[in-house]
Amino acid sequence: MTPEIIRTLVELRSKVAGWKAAGESVAVVPTMGALHQGHLSLVRAAKAACDRVIVTIFINPKQFNNPDDYKNYPRTEEEDARKLISLKADVVYVPDGAQMYPDGFATTVSVDGITQGLCGAHRTGHFDGVATIVTKLFTQTQADKAFFGEKDYQQLQVVTRLARDLDLPIEVVGCPTIREEDGLAMSSRNLMLSDRARTWAPELHRAMEEMSEGLRAGGNLEVLRAVAVKRIERAGFTQVEYLDLRSADRLELMTTPDRPARLLAAAWLAGVRLIDNIAVG
């Protein structure tokens, strides 16, 4: 059976109130649509953990710093709903812009520190947009648990921090990155790659794996980074925005993986910005 599609907050709150009155637990999986197996893995995890699952689909204009990026982002609502049938998601919440940002909307949620580097340094205002919409979705759905993928690792840390700092009664659950057979991290943006660029894209992950092996063997970070960047650029990427070794908890810059760490990268391929991260150490 196709999951129920709800478009207004009034309808959503009525539905959730019924579940809560029956003593049922509620999970939310926030997305911007164009669902792939990574998203679906989050829905499976949510379904295993809670009685009811809400999948949200909202392409949030406030987290795009490039108008063309927002305009070109894939919009596949009908296909997304079909993909959720077999997973038995209870509700797909699809609000429009006026529902989420009504006239006079003047509030921004901003998380300091952890947003300063990586994507935050290259996408002005992006994480303010993420934090604001996620806070709204948490309060609108009144979910007990929220599920996010580790592929957007900085986003996961930002969302975890805001829930903790604002005492929001919700548990943020991070789930492993789901990859294609060739290693490319699944992403809605992959749909924007040409067939030719798609064949080059996995080289980002391969270069990161090679760099990670070098770091674990005691290699020099800067030397390994330079080799990795050359490999990525030879594969057809036009710009490597960052390729950093950061602490797994606070995303602080590191030179050696002497405690839990992540290697995080962002690079442009054929006009599409791809990100990835892997654990090191």
C-alpha atoms as a PDB file:
ATOM      1  CA  MET A   1       0.000   0.000   0.000  1.00  0.00           C
ATOM      2  CA  THR A   2       1.278   3.475  -0.902  1.00  0.00           C
ATOM      3  CA  PRO A   3       2.158   5.488   2.215  1.00  0.00           C
ATOM      4  CA  GLU A   4      -0.198   8.338   3.081  1.00  0.00           C
ATOM      5  CA  ILE A   5       0.976  11.685   1.704  1.00  0.00           C
ATOM      6  CA  ILE A   6       0.408  14.630   4.034  1.00  0.00           C
ATOM      7  CA  ARG A   7       1.061  18.212   2.948  1.00  0.00           C
ATOM      8  CA  THR A   8      -0.055  20.365   5.885  1.00  0.00           C
ATOM      9  CA  LEU A   9       1.121  20.700   9.452  1.00  0.00           C
ATOM     10  CA  VAL A  10      -2.441  20.468  10.764  1.00  0.00           C
ATOM     11  CA  GLU A  11      -2.885  17.044   9.149  1.00  0.00           C
ATOM     12  CA  LEU A  12       0.513  15.869  10.352  1.00  0.00           C
ATOM     13  CA  ARG A  13      -0.053  16.876  13.953  1.00  0.00           C
ATOM     14  CA  SER A  14      -3.443  15.182  13.983  1.00  0.00           C
ATOM     15  CA  LYS A  15      -1.902  11.955  12.690  1.00  0.00           C
ATOM     16  CA  VAL A  16       0.981  12.021  15.175  1.00  0.00           C
ATOM     17  CA  ALA A  17      -1.351  12.847  18.073  1.00  0.00           C
ATOM     18  CA  GLY A  18      -3.292   9.660  17.337  1.00  0.00           C
ATOM     19  CA  TRP A  19      -0.137   7.579  17.332  1.00  0.00           C
ATOM     20  CA  LYS A  20       1.116   9.118  20.561  1.00  0.00           C
ATOM     21  CA  ALA A  21      -2.258   8.590  22.237  1.00  0.00           C
ATOM     22  CA  ALA A  22      -1.940   4.905  21.358  1.00  0.00           C
ATOM     23  CA  GLY A  23       1.500   4.775  22.980  1.00  0.00           C
ATOM     24  CA  GLU A  24       3.348   4.325  19.672  1.00  0.00           C
ATOM     25  CA  SER A  25       6.901   5.546  19.056  1.00  0.00           C
ATOM     26  CA  VAL A  26       7.609   7.765  16.042  1.00  0.00           C
ATOM     27  CA  ALA A  27      10.681   8.055  13.801  1.00  0.00           C
ATOM     28  CA  VAL A  28      11.436  10.695  11.189  1.00  0.00           C
ATOM     29  CA  VAL A  29      13.711  10.409   8.150  1.00  0.00           C
ATOM     30  CA  PRO A  30      14.284  13.936   6.776  1.00  0.00           C
ATOM     31  CA  THR A  31      15.115  14.036   3.043  1.00  0.00           C
ATOM     32  CA  MET A  32      15.038  16.336   0.044  1.00  0.00           C
ATOM     33  CA  GLY A  33      13.610  13.570  -2.127  1.00  0.00           C
ATOM     34  CA  ALA A  34      15.241  11.848  -5.118  1.00  0.00           C
ATOM     35  CA  LEU A  35      15.375   8.809  -2.863  1.00  0.00           C
ATOM     36  CA  HIS A  36      18.057   6.174  -3.373  1.00  0.00           C
ATOM     37  CA  GLN A  37      19.138   3.069  -1.458  1.00  0.00           C
ATOM     38  CA  GLY A  38      20.928   5.218   1.100  1.00  0.00           C
ATOM     39  CA  HIS A  39      17.667   6.905   2.042  1.00  0.00           C
ATOM     40  CA  LEU A  40      15.828   3.593   1.979  1.00  0.00           C
ATOM     41  CA  SER A  41      18.359   2.101   4.396  1.00  0.00           C
ATOM     42  CA  LEU A  42      17.461   4.898   6.818  1.00  0.00           C
ATOM     43  CA  VAL A  43      13.772   4.071   6.468  1.00  0.00           C
ATOM     44  CA  ARG A  44      14.514   0.399   7.205  1.00  0.00           C
ATOM     45  CA  ALA A  45      16.484   1.364  10.311  1.00  0.00           C
ATOM     46  CA  ALA A  46      13.683   3.682  11.428  1.00  0.00           C
ATOM     47  CA  LYS A  47      11.060   0.993  10.878  1.00  0.00           C
ATOM     48  CA  ALA A  48      13.081  -1.475  12.953  1.00  0.00           C
ATOM     49  CA  ALA A  49      13.418   1.013  15.809  1.00  0.00           C
ATOM     50  CA  CYS A  50       9.974   2.623  16.012  1.00  0.00           C
ATOM     51  CA  ASP A  51       6.301   1.811  15.540  1.00  0.00           C
ATOM     52  CA  ARG A  52       5.644   4.590  13.042  1.00  0.00           C
ATOM     53  CA  VAL A  53       7.850   6.193  10.397  1.00  0.00           C
ATOM     54  CA  ILE A  54       7.516   9.606   8.759  1.00  0.00           C
ATOM     55  CA  VAL A  55       9.627  10.330   5.674  1.00  0.00           C
ATOM     56  CA  THR A  56       9.820  14.048   4.946  1.00  0.00           C
ATOM     57  CA  ILE A  57      10.466  15.420   1.465  1.00  0.00           C
ATOM     58  CA  PHE A  58      11.268  19.111   1.244  1.00  0.00           C
ATOM     59  CA  ILE A  59      13.862  20.712  -1.023  1.00  0.00           C
ATOM     60  CA  ASN A  60      14.963  23.403   1.381  1.00  0.00           C
ATOM     61  CA  PRO A  61      15.889  26.639  -0.419  1.00  0.00           C
ATOM     62  CA  LYS A  62      17.637  28.006   2.662  1.00  0.00           C
ATOM     63  CA  GLN A  63      20.455  25.452   2.467  1.00  0.00           C
ATOM     64  CA  PHE A  64      21.359  26.257  -1.154  1.00  0.00           C
ATOM     65  CA  ASN A  65      23.857  29.060  -1.654  1.00  0.00           C
ATOM     66  CA  ASN A  66      23.669  28.622  -5.449  1.00  0.00           C
ATOM     67  CA  PRO A  67      20.280  29.368  -7.086  1.00  0.00           C
ATOM     68  CA  ASP A  68      21.083  27.139 -10.075  1.00  0.00           C
ATOM     69  CA  ASP A  69      21.870  24.241  -7.728  1.00  0.00           C
ATOM     70  CA  TYR A  70      18.445  24.630  -6.129  1.00  0.00           C
ATOM     71  CA  LYS A  71      16.726  24.924  -9.510  1.00  0.00           C
ATOM     72  CA  ASN A  72      18.431  21.798 -10.895  1.00  0.00           C
ATOM     73  CA  TYR A  73      18.001  19.599  -7.826  1.00  0.00           C
ATOM     74  CA  PRO A  74      16.062  16.422  -8.788  1.00  0.00           C
ATOM     75  CA  ARG A  75      12.337  16.463  -8.026  1.00  0.00           C
ATOM     76  CA  THR A  76      10.856  12.939  -8.118  1.00  0.00           C
ATOM     77  CA  GLU A  77       7.957  12.852  -5.654  1.00  0.00           C
ATOM     78  CA  GLU A  78       5.835  10.190  -7.394  1.00  0.00           C
ATOM     79  CA  GLU A  79       8.794   7.852  -7.883  1.00  0.00           C
ATOM     80  CA  ASP A  80       9.877   8.446  -4.285  1.00  0.00           C
ATOM     81  CA  ALA A  81       6.448   7.423  -2.976  1.00  0.00           C
ATOM     82  CA  ARG A  82       6.564   4.211  -5.009  1.00  0.00           C
ATOM     83  CA  LYS A  83       9.964   3.323  -3.564  1.00  0.00           C
ATOM     84  CA  LEU A  84       8.540   3.571  -0.052  1.00  0.00           C
ATOM     85  CA  ILE A  85       5.661   1.136  -0.625  1.00  0.00           C
ATOM     86  CA  SER A  86       7.594  -2.046   0.161  1.00  0.00           C
ATOM     87  CA  LEU A  87       9.210  -0.457   3.225  1.00  0.00           C
ATOM     88  CA  LYS A  88       5.832   0.305   4.781  1.00  0.00           C
ATOM     89  CA  ALA A  89       6.593   3.885   5.739  1.00  0.00           C
ATOM     90  CA  ASP A  90       3.468   5.267   7.398  1.00  0.00           C
ATOM     91  CA  VAL A  91       3.486   8.855   6.149  1.00  0.00           C
ATOM     92  CA  VAL A  92       5.319  10.933   3.557  1.00  0.00           C
ATOM     93  CA  TYR A  93       5.242  14.555   4.686  1.00  0.00           C
ATOM     94  CA  VAL A  94       5.595  16.869   1.674  1.00  0.00           C
ATOM     95  CA  PRO A  95       5.085  20.485   2.749  1.00  0.00           C
ATOM     96  CA  ASP A  96       5.492  23.352   0.288  1.00  0.00           C
ATOM     97  CA  GLY A  97       7.551  26.494   0.792  1.00  0.00           C
ATOM     98  CA  ALA A  98       4.649  28.520   2.163  1.00  0.00           C
ATOM     99  CA  GLN A  99       3.993  25.804   4.744  1.00  0.00           C
ATOM    100  CA  MET A 100       7.587  25.784   5.968  1.00  0.00           C
ATOM    101  CA  TYR A 101       8.440  29.484   5.541  1.00  0.00           C
ATOM    102  CA  PRO A 102       5.212  31.503   5.757  1.00  0.00           C
ATOM    103  CA  ASP A 103       5.133  35.259   5.146  1.00  0.00           C
ATOM    104  CA  GLY A 104       7.091  37.083   7.813  1.00  0.00           C
ATOM    105  CA  PHE A 105       9.268  34.102   8.734  1.00  0.00           C
ATOM    106  CA  ALA A 106      12.243  35.641  10.555  1.00  0.00           C
ATOM    107  CA  THR A 107      13.971  32.936  12.624  1.00  0.00           C
ATOM    108  CA  THR A 108      17.282  31.235  11.925  1.00  0.00           C
ATOM    109  CA  VAL A 109      18.864  28.421  13.941  1.00  0.00           C
ATOM    110  CA  SER A 110      22.647  28.652  13.846  1.00  0.00           C
ATOM    111  CA  VAL A 111      25.140  26.148  15.247  1.00  0.00           C
ATOM    112  CA  ASP A 112      28.597  27.616  15.884  1.00  0.00           C
ATOM    113  CA  GLY A 113      32.028  26.004  15.808  1.00  0.00           C
ATOM    114  CA  ILE A 114      31.381  22.684  14.122  1.00  0.00           C
ATOM    115  CA  THR A 115      29.974  24.464  11.042  1.00  0.00           C
ATOM    116  CA  GLN A 116      32.992  26.677  10.400  1.00  0.00           C
ATOM    117  CA  GLY A 117      35.145  24.432   8.196  1.00  0.00           C
ATOM    118  CA  LEU A 118      34.593  21.858   5.466  1.00  0.00           C
ATOM    119  CA  CYS A 119      31.254  22.490   3.685  1.00  0.00           C
ATOM    120  CA  GLY A 120      30.550  25.405   5.996  1.00  0.00           C
ATOM    121  CA  ALA A 121      33.559  27.263   4.618  1.00  0.00           C
ATOM    122  CA  HIS A 122      32.448  26.808   1.010  1.00  0.00           C
ATOM    123  CA  ARG A 123      28.658  27.099   1.275  1.00  0.00           C
ATOM    124  CA  THR A 124      27.766  30.335   3.042  1.00  0.00           C
ATOM    125  CA  GLY A 125      24.627  29.963   5.138  1.00  0.00           C
ATOM    126  CA  HIS A 126      24.193  26.291   4.250  1.00  0.00           C
ATOM    127  CA  PHE A 127      24.225  24.915   7.775  1.00  0.00           C
ATOM    128  CA  ASP A 128      21.992  27.710   9.073  1.00  0.00           C
ATOM    129  CA  GLY A 129      19.479  26.468   6.519  1.00  0.00           C
ATOM    130  CA  VAL A 130      19.998  22.847   7.578  1.00  0.00           C
ATOM    131  CA  ALA A 131      19.712  23.632  11.296  1.00  0.00           C
ATOM    132  CA  THR A 132      16.602  25.756  10.814  1.00  0.00           C
ATOM    133  CA  ILE A 133      14.672  23.236   8.711  1.00  0.00           C
ATOM    134  CA  VAL A 134      15.698  20.270  10.858  1.00  0.00           C
ATOM    135  CA  THR A 135      14.569  22.069  14.021  1.00  0.00           C
ATOM    136  CA  LYS A 136      11.207  22.737  12.377  1.00  0.00           C
ATOM    137  CA  LEU A 137      10.848  19.128  11.241  1.00  0.00           C
ATOM    138  CA  PHE A 138      11.743  17.816  14.683  1.00  0.00           C
ATOM    139  CA  THR A 139       9.103  19.982  16.357  1.00  0.00           C
ATOM    140  CA  GLN A 140       6.496  19.396  13.646  1.00  0.00           C
ATOM    141  CA  THR A 141       6.788  15.602  13.655  1.00  0.00           C
ATOM    142  CA  GLN A 142       7.358  15.282  17.427  1.00  0.00           C
ATOM    143  CA  ALA A 143       9.437  12.222  16.568  1.00  0.00           C
ATOM    144  CA  ASP A 144      11.269  10.193  19.179  1.00  0.00           C
ATOM    145  CA  LYS A 145      14.156   9.320  16.864  1.00  0.00           C
ATOM    146  CA  ALA A 146      15.599  10.900  13.701  1.00  0.00           C
ATOM    147  CA  PHE A 147      17.724   9.008  11.181  1.00  0.00           C
ATOM    148  CA  PHE A 148      20.533  10.570   9.131  1.00  0.00           C
ATOM    149  CA  GLY A 149      23.228   9.047   6.945  1.00  0.00           C
ATOM    150  CA  GLU A 150      26.925   9.335   7.744  1.00  0.00           C
ATOM    151  CA  LYS A 151      27.608  10.319   4.119  1.00  0.00           C
ATOM    152  CA  ASP A 152      26.758  13.900   5.123  1.00  0.00           C
ATOM    153  CA  TYR A 153      28.988  13.583   8.163  1.00  0.00           C
ATOM    154  CA  GLN A 154      29.300  17.265   9.041  1.00  0.00           C
ATOM    155  CA  GLN A 155      25.522  17.622   8.755  1.00  0.00           C
ATOM    156  CA  LEU A 156      25.068  14.665  11.114  1.00  0.00           C
ATOM    157  CA  GLN A 157      27.324  16.330  13.703  1.00  0.00           C
ATOM    158  CA  VAL A 158      25.506  19.655  13.323  1.00  0.00           C
ATOM    159  CA  VAL A 159      22.089  18.052  13.805  1.00  0.00           C
ATOM    160  CA  THR A 160      23.305  16.041  16.795  1.00  0.00           C
ATOM    161  CA  ARG A 161      24.733  19.183  18.383  1.00  0.00           C
ATOM    162  CA  LEU A 162      21.608  21.311  17.876  1.00  0.00           C
ATOM    163  CA  ALA A 163      19.338  18.618  19.368  1.00  0.00           C
ATOM    164  CA  ARG A 164      21.634  18.384  22.386  1.00  0.00           C
ATOM    165  CA  ASP A 165      22.075  22.137  22.850  1.00  0.00           C
ATOM    166  CA  LEU A 166      18.356  22.928  22.513  1.00  0.00           C
ATOM    167  CA  ASP A 167      17.262  20.009  24.736  1.00  0.00           C
ATOM    168  CA  LEU A 168      15.055  18.662  21.974  1.00  0.00           C
ATOM    169  CA  PRO A 169      13.397  15.399  23.086  1.00  0.00           C
ATOM    170  CA  ILE A 170      14.685  13.376  20.150  1.00  0.00           C
ATOM    171  CA  GLU A 171      17.521  10.896  19.574  1.00  0.00           C
ATOM    172  CA  VAL A 172      19.603  11.519  16.451  1.00  0.00           C
ATOM    173  CA  VAL A 173      20.730   8.208  14.944  1.00  0.00           C
ATOM    174  CA  GLY A 174      23.586   8.086  12.421  1.00  0.00           C
ATOM    175  CA  CYS A 175      23.556   5.253   9.870  1.00  0.00           C
ATOM    176  CA  PRO A 176      26.395   3.954   7.641  1.00  0.00           C
ATOM    177  CA  THR A 177      27.019   5.364   4.174  1.00  0.00           C
ATOM    178  CA  ILE A 178      25.535   3.186   1.424  1.00  0.00           C
ATOM    179  CA  ARG A 179      27.718   2.835  -1.666  1.00  0.00           C
ATOM    180  CA  GLU A 180      27.384   1.695  -5.241  1.00  0.00           C
ATOM    181  CA  GLU A 181      29.293  -1.452  -6.204  1.00  0.00           C
ATOM    182  CA  ASP A 182      32.177   0.694  -7.484  1.00  0.00           C
ATOM    183  CA  GLY A 183      32.449   2.551  -4.170  1.00  0.00           C
ATOM    184  CA  LEU A 184      30.697   5.809  -5.060  1.00  0.00           C
ATOM    185  CA  ALA A 185      28.682   7.096  -2.103  1.00  0.00           C
ATOM    186  CA  MET A 186      24.999   7.126  -2.990  1.00  0.00           C
ATOM    187  CA  SER A 187      23.655  10.651  -3.367  1.00  0.00           C
ATOM    188  CA  SER A 188      20.714  12.346  -5.040  1.00  0.00           C
ATOM    189  CA  ARG A 189      23.284  14.500  -6.853  1.00  0.00           C
ATOM    190  CA  ASN A 190      24.613  11.435  -8.659  1.00  0.00           C
ATOM    191  CA  LEU A 191      21.530  11.703 -10.891  1.00  0.00           C
ATOM    192  CA  MET A 192      22.968  14.955 -12.223  1.00  0.00           C
ATOM    193  CA  LEU A 193      26.148  13.285 -13.533  1.00  0.00           C
ATOM    194  CA  SER A 194      26.499  12.452 -17.214  1.00  0.00           C
ATOM    195  CA  ASP A 195      27.201   8.807 -18.077  1.00  0.00           C
ATOM    196  CA  ARG A 196      30.834   9.685 -18.716  1.00  0.00           C
ATOM    197  CA  ALA A 197      31.257  11.612 -15.471  1.00  0.00           C
ATOM    198  CA  ARG A 198      29.590   8.779 -13.570  1.00  0.00           C
ATOM    199  CA  THR A 199      32.417   6.454 -14.627  1.00  0.00           C
ATOM    200  CA  TRP A 200      34.979   8.898 -13.204  1.00  0.00           C
ATOM    201  CA  ALA A 201      33.159   9.624  -9.928  1.00  0.00           C
ATOM    202  CA  PRO A 202      34.319   6.550  -7.902  1.00  0.00           C
ATOM    203  CA  GLU A 203      37.909   7.771  -8.140  1.00  0.00           C
ATOM    204  CA  LEU A 204      37.195  10.181  -5.287  1.00  0.00           C
ATOM    205  CA  HIS A 205      36.525   7.315  -2.892  1.00  0.00           C
ATOM    206  CA  ARG A 206      39.450   5.253  -4.192  1.00  0.00           C
ATOM    207  CA  ALA A 207      41.863   8.145  -3.641  1.00  0.00           C
ATOM    208  CA  MET A 208      40.514   8.628  -0.127  1.00  0.00           C
ATOM    209  CA  GLU A 209      40.918   4.930   0.695  1.00  0.00           C
ATOM    210  CA  GLU A 210      44.505   5.032  -0.533  1.00  0.00           C
ATOM    211  CA  MET A 211      45.183   8.152   1.540  1.00  0.00           C
ATOM    212  CA  SER A 212      43.597   6.540   4.600  1.00  0.00           C
ATOM    213  CA  GLU A 213      45.832   3.476   4.246  1.00  0.00           C
ATOM    214  CA  GLY A 214      48.848   5.753   4.063  1.00  0.00           C
ATOM    215  CA  LEU A 215      47.823   7.620   7.199  1.00  0.00           C
ATOM    216  CA  ARG A 216      47.309   4.395   9.123  1.00  0.00           C
ATOM    217  CA  ALA A 217      50.794   3.333   8.067  1.00  0.00           C
ATOM    218  CA  GLY A 218      52.241   6.537   9.531  1.00  0.00           C
ATOM    219  CA  GLY A 219      52.586   8.529   6.317  1.00  0.00           C
ATOM    220  CA  ASN A 220      52.824  12.325   6.168  1.00  0.00           C
ATOM    221  CA  LEU A 221      49.415  13.996   5.815  1.00  0.00           C
ATOM    222  CA  GLU A 222      50.483  16.726   3.382  1.00  0.00           C
ATOM    223  CA  VAL A 223      52.380  14.336   1.114  1.00  0.00           C
ATOM    224  CA  LEU A 224      49.472  11.892   1.042  1.00  0.00           C
ATOM    225  CA  ARG A 225      46.982  14.704   0.416  1.00  0.00           C
ATOM    226  CA  ALA A 226      48.983  16.019  -2.539  1.00  0.00           C
ATOM    227  CA  VAL A 227      49.094  12.556  -4.114  1.00  0.00           C
ATOM    228  CA  ALA A 228      45.366  12.058  -3.563  1.00  0.00           C
ATOM    229  CA  VAL A 229      44.454  15.448  -5.048  1.00  0.00           C
ATOM    230  CA  LYS A 230      46.523  14.716  -8.169  1.00  0.00           C
ATOM    231  CA  ARG A 231      44.786  11.357  -8.570  1.00  0.00           C
ATOM    232  CA  ILE A 232      41.348  12.948  -8.187  1.00  0.00           C
ATOM    233  CA  GLU A 233      42.136  15.699 -10.682  1.00  0.00           C
ATOM    234  CA  ARG A 234      43.535  13.206 -13.209  1.00  0.00           C
ATOM    235  CA  ALA A 235      40.192  11.398 -13.014  1.00  0.00           C
ATOM    236  CA  GLY A 236      38.421  14.486 -14.361  1.00  0.00           C
ATOM    237  CA  PHE A 237      37.496  16.411 -11.225  1.00  0.00           C
ATOM    238  CA  THR A 238      37.988  20.134 -11.767  1.00  0.00           C
ATOM    239  CA  GLN A 239      38.273  21.307  -8.166  1.00  0.00           C
ATOM    240  CA  VAL A 240      38.982  19.677  -4.815  1.00  0.00           C
ATOM    241  CA  GLU A 241      37.442  22.018  -2.260  1.00  0.00           C
ATOM    242  CA  TYR A 242      38.840  20.183   0.726  1.00  0.00           C
ATOM    243  CA  LEU A 243      40.407  16.886   1.694  1.00  0.00           C
ATOM    244  CA  ASP A 244      40.819  17.033   5.469  1.00  0.00           C
ATOM    245  CA  LEU A 245      41.622  14.748   8.351  1.00  0.00           C
ATOM    246  CA  ARG A 246      39.314  15.700  11.224  1.00  0.00           C
ATOM    247  CA  SER A 247      38.432  14.363  14.655  1.00  0.00           C
ATOM    248  CA  ALA A 248      35.338  12.181  14.519  1.00  0.00           C
ATOM    249  CA  ASP A 249      33.534  14.015  17.316  1.00  0.00           C
ATOM    250  CA  ARG A 250      34.252  17.733  16.999  1.00  0.00           C
ATOM    251  CA  LEU A 251      35.645  17.845  13.452  1.00  0.00           C
ATOM    252  CA  GLU A 252      38.863  19.450  14.645  1.00  0.00           C
ATOM    253  CA  LEU A 253      41.791  19.454  12.203  1.00  0.00           C
ATOM    254  CA  MET A 254      44.305  16.655  12.783  1.00  0.00           C
ATOM    255  CA  THR A 255      47.687  15.760  11.312  1.00  0.00           C
ATOM    256  CA  THR A 256      47.712  12.104  12.346  1.00  0.00           C
ATOM    257  CA  PRO A 257      44.915   9.679  13.268  1.00  0.00           C
ATOM    258  CA  ASP A 258      45.963   9.215  16.892  1.00  0.00           C
ATOM    259  CA  ARG A 259      42.301   9.154  17.978  1.00  0.00           C
ATOM    260  CA  PRO A 260      39.032   8.414  16.142  1.00  0.00           C
ATOM    261  CA  ALA A 261      39.149  10.425  12.932  1.00  0.00           C
ATOM    262  CA  ARG A 262      37.383  10.937   9.602  1.00  0.00           C
ATOM    263  CA  LEU A 263      38.823  11.784   6.236  1.00  0.00           C
ATOM    264  CA  LEU A 264      36.365  14.156   4.547  1.00  0.00           C
ATOM    265  CA  ALA A 265      36.345  15.474   0.989  1.00  0.00           C
ATOM    266  CA  ALA A 266      34.369  17.653  -1.387  1.00  0.00           C
ATOM    267  CA  ALA A 267      35.154  17.949  -5.087  1.00  0.00           C
ATOM    268  CA  TRP A 268      33.523  19.111  -8.318  1.00  0.00           C
ATOM    269  CA  LEU A 269      32.960  16.798 -11.267  1.00  0.00           C
ATOM    270  CA  ALA A 270      31.294  18.011 -14.462  1.00  0.00           C
ATOM    271  CA  GLY A 271      29.500  20.791 -12.591  1.00  0.00           C
ATOM    272  CA  VAL A 272      28.298  18.528  -9.764  1.00  0.00           C
ATOM    273  CA  ARG A 273      29.599  18.837  -6.219  1.00  0.00           C
ATOM    274  CA  LEU A 274      30.287  15.455  -4.612  1.00  0.00           C
ATOM    275  CA  ILE A 275      31.158  14.812  -0.965  1.00  0.00           C
ATOM    276  CA  ASP A 276      32.405  11.731   0.860  1.00  0.00           C
ATOM    277  CA  ASN A 277      34.009  10.676   4.116  1.00  0.00           C
ATOM    278  CA  ILE A 278      35.538   7.557   5.619  1.00  0.00           C
ATOM    279  CA  ALA A 279      36.689   6.530   9.084  1.00  0.00           C
ATOM    280  CA  VAL A 280      40.455   6.473   9.710  1.00  0.00           C
ATOM    281  CA  GLY A 281      42.167   4.644  12.527  1.00  0.00           C
END
